[in-house]
Amino acid sequence: MNGQMHPAAPHHLPFFVPGPDGTDTLMLVMGIFLVATILWVGTLYWKLHSLPERMAHKSQKLQFELVAVLGLISLFTHMHIFWIAGLLLAMIDLPDFSTPLRSIAGSVERIADATPPRRAPASEPDASPSAEEGQGHA
């Protein structure tokens, strides 16, 4: 064979045609691009999926836990209604019922445990209850 090119062969090949050494530069670039795009879309998906939890993070502990459970149910069942319910629950600012109820419970407990104060005898107006207990009065 002689080293001459066929007259119908193009004299300049496009960049996407691999060279005679077998290196396909375009395939390598597109492979890297594909892997980077998959990682980027996956990260975007995880950020979008955790949006209700990040919104509910500043709210009460119970509301945050409910939103987190709804997000996990949505993730494992592939039912998007749970994600939407978690998003709506995260957007709603629930009133704080536990603090007033805890305060009421503490006050009622103090009232129930309180004993009426003992009166000092009329002859000793300055006597304190601890002094009376030390004298052995019954």
C-alpha atoms as a PDB file:
ATOM      1  CA  MET A   1       0.000   0.000   0.000  1.00  0.00           C
ATOM      2  CA  ASN A   2       1.154   3.432  -0.715  1.00  0.00           C
ATOM      3  CA  GLY A   3       0.933   6.342   1.776  1.00  0.00           C
ATOM      4  CA  GLN A   4      -1.354   8.470  -0.363  1.00  0.00           C
ATOM      5  CA  MET A   5      -4.913   9.355   0.690  1.00  0.00           C
ATOM      6  CA  HIS A   6      -7.859   8.446  -1.432  1.00  0.00           C
ATOM      7  CA  PRO A   7      -9.053  11.461  -3.437  1.00  0.00           C
ATOM      8  CA  ALA A   8     -12.606  11.221  -1.986  1.00  0.00           C
ATOM      9  CA  ALA A   9     -11.377  11.209   1.640  1.00  0.00           C
ATOM     10  CA  PRO A  10     -11.771  14.492   3.573  1.00  0.00           C
ATOM     11  CA  HIS A  11      -8.537  16.251   4.355  1.00  0.00           C
ATOM     12  CA  HIS A  12      -9.753  17.578   7.720  1.00  0.00           C
ATOM     13  CA  LEU A  13     -11.686  15.382  10.172  1.00  0.00           C
ATOM     14  CA  PRO A  14     -14.130  16.897  12.740  1.00  0.00           C
ATOM     15  CA  PHE A  15     -13.029  17.045  16.389  1.00  0.00           C
ATOM     16  CA  PHE A  16     -15.480  14.346  17.543  1.00  0.00           C
ATOM     17  CA  VAL A  17     -14.002  11.631  15.340  1.00  0.00           C
ATOM     18  CA  PRO A  18     -11.456   9.607  17.341  1.00  0.00           C
ATOM     19  CA  GLY A  19      -7.910   9.657  16.169  1.00  0.00           C
ATOM     20  CA  PRO A  20      -5.939   6.649  14.961  1.00  0.00           C
ATOM     21  CA  ASP A  21      -4.520   6.104  18.478  1.00  0.00           C
ATOM     22  CA  GLY A  22      -8.038   5.292  19.807  1.00  0.00           C
ATOM     23  CA  THR A  23      -8.468   8.173  22.283  1.00  0.00           C
ATOM     24  CA  ASP A  24     -12.001   9.480  22.192  1.00  0.00           C
ATOM     25  CA  THR A  25     -11.794  12.913  23.807  1.00  0.00           C
ATOM     26  CA  LEU A  26     -15.468  13.734  23.321  1.00  0.00           C
ATOM     27  CA  MET A  27     -16.562  10.523  25.071  1.00  0.00           C
ATOM     28  CA  LEU A  28     -14.299  11.316  28.037  1.00  0.00           C
ATOM     29  CA  VAL A  29     -15.611  14.893  28.296  1.00  0.00           C
ATOM     30  CA  MET A  30     -19.235  13.756  28.020  1.00  0.00           C
ATOM     31  CA  GLY A  31     -18.657  11.032  30.653  1.00  0.00           C
ATOM     32  CA  ILE A  32     -17.285  13.590  33.118  1.00  0.00           C
ATOM     33  CA  PHE A  33     -20.159  15.943  32.272  1.00  0.00           C
ATOM     34  CA  LEU A  34     -22.695  13.142  32.819  1.00  0.00           C
ATOM     35  CA  VAL A  35     -21.282  12.185  36.229  1.00  0.00           C
ATOM     36  CA  ALA A  36     -21.157  15.855  37.319  1.00  0.00           C
ATOM     37  CA  THR A  37     -24.730  16.435  36.132  1.00  0.00           C
ATOM     38  CA  ILE A  38     -26.020  13.350  37.978  1.00  0.00           C
ATOM     39  CA  LEU A  39     -24.317  14.494  41.202  1.00  0.00           C
ATOM     40  CA  TRP A  40     -25.702  18.029  40.783  1.00  0.00           C
ATOM     41  CA  VAL A  41     -29.262  16.833  40.104  1.00  0.00           C
ATOM     42  CA  GLY A  42     -29.039  14.421  43.052  1.00  0.00           C
ATOM     43  CA  THR A  43     -27.897  17.213  45.361  1.00  0.00           C
ATOM     44  CA  LEU A  44     -30.691  19.448  44.071  1.00  0.00           C
ATOM     45  CA  TYR A  45     -33.202  16.650  44.690  1.00  0.00           C
ATOM     46  CA  TRP A  46     -32.013  16.110  48.283  1.00  0.00           C
ATOM     47  CA  LYS A  47     -32.126  19.846  49.016  1.00  0.00           C
ATOM     48  CA  LEU A  48     -35.625  20.078  47.574  1.00  0.00           C
ATOM     49  CA  HIS A  49     -36.738  16.993  49.465  1.00  0.00           C
ATOM     50  CA  SER A  50     -35.468  18.395  52.786  1.00  0.00           C
ATOM     51  CA  LEU A  51     -37.063  21.817  52.223  1.00  0.00           C
ATOM     52  CA  PRO A  52     -39.997  21.226  54.633  1.00  0.00           C
ATOM     53  CA  GLU A  53     -37.624  20.039  57.374  1.00  0.00           C
ATOM     54  CA  ARG A  54     -35.406  23.086  56.955  1.00  0.00           C
ATOM     55  CA  MET A  55     -38.481  25.337  57.089  1.00  0.00           C
ATOM     56  CA  ALA A  56     -39.807  23.639  60.250  1.00  0.00           C
ATOM     57  CA  HIS A  57     -36.409  23.662  61.973  1.00  0.00           C
ATOM     58  CA  LYS A  58     -37.115  27.035  63.613  1.00  0.00           C
ATOM     59  CA  SER A  59     -40.511  25.913  64.924  1.00  0.00           C
ATOM     60  CA  GLN A  60     -41.498  23.738  67.864  1.00  0.00           C
ATOM     61  CA  LYS A  61     -39.955  20.326  68.397  1.00  0.00           C
ATOM     62  CA  LEU A  62     -43.219  18.424  67.851  1.00  0.00           C
ATOM     63  CA  GLN A  63     -43.952  20.218  64.575  1.00  0.00           C
ATOM     64  CA  PHE A  64     -40.394  19.607  63.360  1.00  0.00           C
ATOM     65  CA  GLU A  65     -40.643  15.900  64.179  1.00  0.00           C
ATOM     66  CA  LEU A  66     -43.989  15.573  62.380  1.00  0.00           C
ATOM     67  CA  VAL A  67     -42.587  17.249  59.280  1.00  0.00           C
ATOM     68  CA  ALA A  68     -39.496  15.017  59.396  1.00  0.00           C
ATOM     69  CA  VAL A  69     -41.620  11.866  59.659  1.00  0.00           C
ATOM     70  CA  LEU A  70     -43.799  12.984  56.746  1.00  0.00           C
ATOM     71  CA  GLY A  71     -40.652  13.586  54.702  1.00  0.00           C
ATOM     72  CA  LEU A  72     -39.333  10.097  55.474  1.00  0.00           C
ATOM     73  CA  ILE A  73     -42.672   8.491  54.624  1.00  0.00           C
ATOM     74  CA  SER A  74     -42.669  10.403  51.348  1.00  0.00           C
ATOM     75  CA  LEU A  75     -39.127   9.290  50.591  1.00  0.00           C
ATOM     76  CA  PHE A  76     -39.732   5.602  51.227  1.00  0.00           C
ATOM     77  CA  THR A  77     -43.242   5.288  49.743  1.00  0.00           C
ATOM     78  CA  HIS A  78     -42.785   7.622  46.748  1.00  0.00           C
ATOM     79  CA  MET A  79     -46.150   9.198  47.560  1.00  0.00           C
ATOM     80  CA  HIS A  80     -45.739  12.929  47.095  1.00  0.00           C
ATOM     81  CA  ILE A  81     -48.839  13.796  49.108  1.00  0.00           C
ATOM     82  CA  PHE A  82     -46.843  13.223  52.316  1.00  0.00           C
ATOM     83  CA  TRP A  83     -44.182  15.686  51.147  1.00  0.00           C
ATOM     84  CA  ILE A  84     -46.872  18.246  50.318  1.00  0.00           C
ATOM     85  CA  ALA A  85     -48.501  17.708  53.731  1.00  0.00           C
ATOM     86  CA  GLY A  86     -45.106  18.193  55.410  1.00  0.00           C
ATOM     87  CA  LEU A  87     -44.500  21.357  53.407  1.00  0.00           C
ATOM     88  CA  LEU A  88     -47.902  22.776  54.365  1.00  0.00           C
ATOM     89  CA  LEU A  89     -47.365  21.833  58.019  1.00  0.00           C
ATOM     90  CA  ALA A  90     -43.967  23.531  57.965  1.00  0.00           C
ATOM     91  CA  MET A  91     -45.491  26.727  56.543  1.00  0.00           C
ATOM     92  CA  ILE A  92     -48.170  26.925  59.256  1.00  0.00           C
ATOM     93  CA  ASP A  93     -47.039  28.443  62.533  1.00  0.00           C
ATOM     94  CA  LEU A  94     -48.726  26.337  65.205  1.00  0.00           C
ATOM     95  CA  PRO A  95     -49.543  28.097  68.492  1.00  0.00           C
ATOM     96  CA  ASP A  96     -47.603  27.093  71.570  1.00  0.00           C
ATOM     97  CA  PHE A  97     -50.025  25.156  73.756  1.00  0.00           C
ATOM     98  CA  SER A  98     -47.480  23.350  75.886  1.00  0.00           C
ATOM     99  CA  THR A  99     -45.975  26.358  77.709  1.00  0.00           C
ATOM    100  CA  PRO A 100     -49.266  27.697  79.168  1.00  0.00           C
ATOM    101  CA  LEU A 101     -50.431  24.170  80.019  1.00  0.00           C
ATOM    102  CA  ARG A 102     -47.109  23.432  81.737  1.00  0.00           C
ATOM    103  CA  SER A 103     -47.448  26.679  83.721  1.00  0.00           C
ATOM    104  CA  ILE A 104     -51.016  25.811  84.745  1.00  0.00           C
ATOM    105  CA  ALA A 105     -49.944  22.312  85.775  1.00  0.00           C
ATOM    106  CA  GLY A 106     -47.099  23.720  87.877  1.00  0.00           C
ATOM    107  CA  SER A 107     -49.401  26.203  89.597  1.00  0.00           C
ATOM    108  CA  VAL A 108     -52.011  23.542  90.350  1.00  0.00           C
ATOM    109  CA  GLU A 109     -49.292  21.284  91.726  1.00  0.00           C
ATOM    110  CA  ARG A 110     -48.039  24.045  94.037  1.00  0.00           C
ATOM    111  CA  ILE A 111     -51.608  24.717  95.208  1.00  0.00           C
ATOM    112  CA  ALA A 112     -52.210  21.017  95.889  1.00  0.00           C
ATOM    113  CA  ASP A 113     -48.967  20.626  97.831  1.00  0.00           C
ATOM    114  CA  ALA A 114     -49.391  23.828  99.847  1.00  0.00           C
ATOM    115  CA  THR A 115     -50.332  23.464 103.505  1.00  0.00           C
ATOM    116  CA  PRO A 116     -52.020  26.326 105.315  1.00  0.00           C
ATOM    117  CA  PRO A 117     -49.569  28.341 107.405  1.00  0.00           C
ATOM    118  CA  ARG A 118     -49.625  27.593 111.128  1.00  0.00           C
ATOM    119  CA  ARG A 119     -50.666  30.435 113.372  1.00  0.00           C
ATOM    120  CA  ALA A 120     -48.374  31.581 116.140  1.00  0.00           C
ATOM    121  CA  PRO A 121     -49.748  31.480 119.706  1.00  0.00           C
ATOM    122  CA  ALA A 122     -51.176  34.778 120.924  1.00  0.00           C
ATOM    123  CA  SER A 123     -48.584  35.094 123.699  1.00  0.00           C
ATOM    124  CA  GLU A 124     -45.621  34.862 121.278  1.00  0.00           C
ATOM    125  CA  PRO A 125     -46.289  37.010 118.187  1.00  0.00           C
ATOM    126  CA  ASP A 126     -42.640  36.845 117.058  1.00  0.00           C
ATOM    127  CA  ALA A 127     -42.373  33.038 117.115  1.00  0.00           C
ATOM    128  CA  SER A 128     -41.470  31.436 113.819  1.00  0.00           C
ATOM    129  CA  PRO A 129     -42.743  27.993 112.670  1.00  0.00           C
ATOM    130  CA  SER A 130     -39.223  26.527 112.913  1.00  0.00           C
ATOM    131  CA  ALA A 131     -38.919  27.672 116.537  1.00  0.00           C
ATOM    132  CA  GLU A 132     -42.255  26.031 117.362  1.00  0.00           C
ATOM    133  CA  GLU A 133     -41.162  22.734 115.835  1.00  0.00           C
ATOM    134  CA  GLY A 134     -37.980  22.739 117.937  1.00  0.00           C
ATOM    135  CA  GLN A 135     -39.945  23.193 121.201  1.00  0.00           C
ATOM    136  CA  GLY A 136     -41.973  20.016 120.676  1.00  0.00           C
ATOM    137  CA  HIS A 137     -45.460  21.494 120.493  1.00  0.00           C
ATOM    138  CA  ALA A 138     -47.992  19.089 119.160  1.00  0.00           C
END
